[in-house]
Amino acid sequence: MKFREALLDLAQGNHLAWFWWVYRRRAQAKSRLIRSIFTFLLCRAARRGGGYVGPGAVFEGRPSLPHGLHGVFISRFAVIGPRCRIYQNVTIGEIDRKAPRIGADCLIGAGAVLVGGIRIGNSAKIGAGAVVSRDVPDGCTVVAPPPRILEGRDTP
């Protein structure tokens, strides 16, 4: 496969494994030139997909993005736990350099907005279109409109 074709596949979100590999290598790069090349590739991929992943964002594991980077915005101050599933058009934004801290095994539905220095508990579910600006306890579900928290239910 030619370099241009590989770059287009990356840009369209078809090969997110390569995207995460480049993302991690950029953080580890000691050379400014190499870091700049990785940043160019990541910006190209994100711009084509309409998404953005901040350079300082912390991923404790590789998140699942079923629709690629299409419309996903992740702040550079965000911390995302392992095995999170993030759908299209999700915004994980910051207020005063404080961004959400998302626990493990969370599901964030399409079009959801999470802003500020909030904590999303482990195994929480954020429904499509919800705007979350308060902490969400472990195992709870947030639905909208208007946003409300449903207590976690025991699973059999």
Protein backbone atom coordinates (compact mmCIF):
# COMPACT_ATOMS: atom_id res chain seq x y z
CA MET A 1 0.00 0.00 0.00
CA LYS A 2 1.32 3.42 -0.92
CA PHE A 3 1.96 6.04 1.75
CA ARG A 4 -0.82 8.29 0.39
CA GLU A 5 -3.37 5.45 0.54
CA ALA A 6 -2.31 4.56 4.07
CA LEU A 7 -2.62 8.21 5.09
CA LEU A 8 -6.12 8.40 3.57
CA ASP A 9 -7.20 5.23 5.38
CA LEU A 10 -5.91 6.73 8.62
CA ALA A 11 -7.65 10.03 7.89
CA GLN A 12 -10.98 8.33 7.27
CA GLY A 13 -10.82 6.50 10.57
CA ASN A 14 -10.48 3.09 8.99
CA HIS A 15 -7.35 2.12 10.91
CA LEU A 16 -7.61 3.54 14.41
CA ALA A 17 -5.00 1.09 15.68
CA TRP A 18 -2.43 3.01 13.63
CA PHE A 19 -3.82 6.31 14.94
CA TRP A 20 -3.30 5.21 18.57
CA TRP A 21 0.16 3.90 17.76
CA VAL A 22 1.13 7.30 16.32
CA TYR A 23 -0.55 9.08 19.27
CA ARG A 24 1.51 7.13 21.81
CA ARG A 25 4.75 7.52 19.83
CA ARG A 26 4.26 11.29 19.68
CA ALA A 27 4.10 11.42 23.49
CA GLN A 28 7.31 9.37 23.72
CA ALA A 29 9.23 11.22 21.01
CA LYS A 30 12.33 13.02 22.25
CA SER A 31 13.11 14.78 18.97
CA ARG A 32 11.13 17.90 18.16
CA LEU A 33 11.17 17.02 14.45
CA ILE A 34 9.72 13.53 15.03
CA ARG A 35 7.08 14.95 17.39
CA SER A 36 6.15 17.51 14.72
CA ILE A 37 5.80 14.80 12.06
CA PHE A 38 3.58 12.71 14.36
CA THR A 39 1.51 15.79 15.21
CA PHE A 40 1.06 16.50 11.49
CA LEU A 41 -0.17 12.95 10.86
CA LEU A 42 -2.56 13.08 13.83
CA CYS A 43 -3.94 16.49 12.86
CA ARG A 44 -4.44 15.26 9.30
CA ALA A 45 -6.31 12.20 10.51
CA ALA A 46 -8.45 14.16 12.96
CA ARG A 47 -9.23 16.93 10.48
CA ARG A 48 -10.39 14.50 7.80
CA GLY A 49 -12.63 12.77 10.33
CA GLY A 50 -13.81 16.03 11.85
CA GLY A 51 -12.40 15.13 15.27
CA TYR A 52 -9.73 16.27 17.69
CA VAL A 53 -7.74 14.48 20.36
CA GLY A 54 -5.72 16.87 22.51
CA PRO A 55 -2.00 16.16 22.76
CA GLY A 56 -2.08 15.91 26.56
CA ALA A 57 -5.13 13.66 26.85
CA VAL A 58 -4.46 10.55 28.94
CA PHE A 59 -5.84 7.20 27.79
CA GLU A 60 -5.41 4.40 30.32
CA GLY A 61 -6.29 1.91 27.60
CA ARG A 62 -7.30 2.11 23.97
CA PRO A 63 -10.87 3.46 23.76
CA SER A 64 -13.38 1.99 21.37
CA LEU A 65 -14.55 4.48 18.75
CA PRO A 66 -17.11 2.55 16.66
CA HIS A 67 -17.54 5.44 14.20
CA GLY A 68 -13.91 6.53 14.13
CA LEU A 69 -12.92 10.09 14.97
CA HIS A 70 -16.00 11.51 13.25
CA GLY A 71 -16.98 14.56 15.27
CA VAL A 72 -15.21 13.46 18.46
CA PHE A 73 -13.51 16.23 20.47
CA ILE A 74 -11.37 15.20 23.44
CA SER A 75 -9.72 17.93 25.51
CA ARG A 76 -6.00 17.83 26.14
CA PHE A 77 -6.71 17.71 29.89
CA ALA A 78 -9.11 14.73 29.77
CA VAL A 79 -8.36 11.40 31.42
CA ILE A 80 -10.15 8.41 29.92
CA GLY A 81 -10.18 5.01 31.59
CA PRO A 82 -9.70 1.64 29.94
CA ARG A 83 -12.33 -0.01 27.73
CA CYS A 84 -14.45 3.12 27.20
CA ARG A 85 -16.77 3.23 24.21
CA ILE A 86 -17.20 6.67 22.65
CA TYR A 87 -19.67 7.20 19.80
CA GLN A 88 -19.70 9.95 17.15
CA ASN A 89 -20.03 13.70 17.81
CA VAL A 90 -19.03 13.44 21.49
CA THR A 91 -17.42 16.45 23.15
CA ILE A 92 -15.24 15.96 26.22
CA GLY A 93 -14.41 19.58 26.90
CA GLU A 94 -12.62 21.69 29.44
CA ILE A 95 -13.45 24.67 31.61
CA ASP A 96 -10.54 26.57 33.17
CA ARG A 97 -8.07 23.81 32.22
CA LYS A 98 -10.20 21.18 33.98
CA ALA A 99 -11.65 18.35 31.93
CA PRO A 100 -13.65 15.22 32.78
CA ARG A 101 -12.03 12.17 34.34
CA ILE A 102 -13.81 9.15 32.91
CA GLY A 103 -13.69 5.78 34.67
CA ALA A 104 -13.30 2.31 33.22
CA ASP A 105 -15.91 0.53 31.06
CA CYS A 106 -17.98 3.67 30.35
CA LEU A 107 -20.27 4.16 27.39
CA ILE A 108 -20.75 7.66 25.99
CA GLY A 109 -23.60 7.94 23.50
CA ALA A 110 -23.69 9.93 20.28
CA GLY A 111 -23.78 13.69 20.65
CA ALA A 112 -23.10 13.69 24.39
CA VAL A 113 -21.25 16.65 25.93
CA LEU A 114 -19.13 16.31 29.09
CA VAL A 115 -17.55 19.52 30.38
CA GLY A 116 -15.59 20.76 33.36
CA GLY A 117 -13.61 19.03 36.08
CA ILE A 118 -16.16 16.29 36.66
CA ARG A 119 -15.72 12.61 37.42
CA ILE A 120 -17.61 9.93 35.52
CA GLY A 121 -17.67 6.72 37.57
CA ASN A 122 -16.76 3.24 36.41
CA SER A 123 -19.33 1.46 34.21
CA ALA A 124 -21.39 4.64 33.83
CA LYS A 125 -23.50 5.19 30.74
CA ILE A 126 -24.07 8.62 29.21
CA GLY A 127 -27.06 8.65 26.89
CA ALA A 128 -27.12 10.21 23.44
CA GLY A 129 -27.45 13.98 23.52
CA ALA A 130 -26.89 14.32 27.28
CA VAL A 131 -25.04 17.38 28.57
CA VAL A 132 -23.16 16.44 31.74
CA SER A 133 -21.57 19.04 34.02
CA ARG A 134 -21.82 17.22 37.38
CA ASP A 135 -20.21 14.08 38.76
CA VAL A 136 -21.78 10.74 37.85
CA PRO A 137 -21.49 7.87 40.39
CA ASP A 138 -20.27 4.37 39.45
CA GLY A 139 -22.73 2.24 37.50
CA CYS A 140 -25.29 5.01 36.87
CA THR A 141 -26.91 6.13 33.65
CA VAL A 142 -27.39 9.75 32.56
CA VAL A 143 -30.15 10.48 30.06
CA ALA A 144 -31.43 13.65 28.42
CA PRO A 145 -33.33 15.94 28.00
CA PRO A 146 -33.32 17.20 30.70
CA PRO A 147 -30.23 15.43 32.07
CA ARG A 148 -30.99 13.19 35.02
CA ILE A 149 -29.16 10.40 36.75
CA LEU A 150 -30.77 6.99 37.02
CA GLU A 151 -29.47 4.89 39.88
CA GLY A 152 -27.46 1.82 38.93
CA ARG A 153 -29.32 -1.47 38.75
CA ASP A 154 -28.08 -4.85 39.84
CA THR A 155 -27.35 -7.10 36.91
CA PRO A 156 -28.13 -10.82 37.14
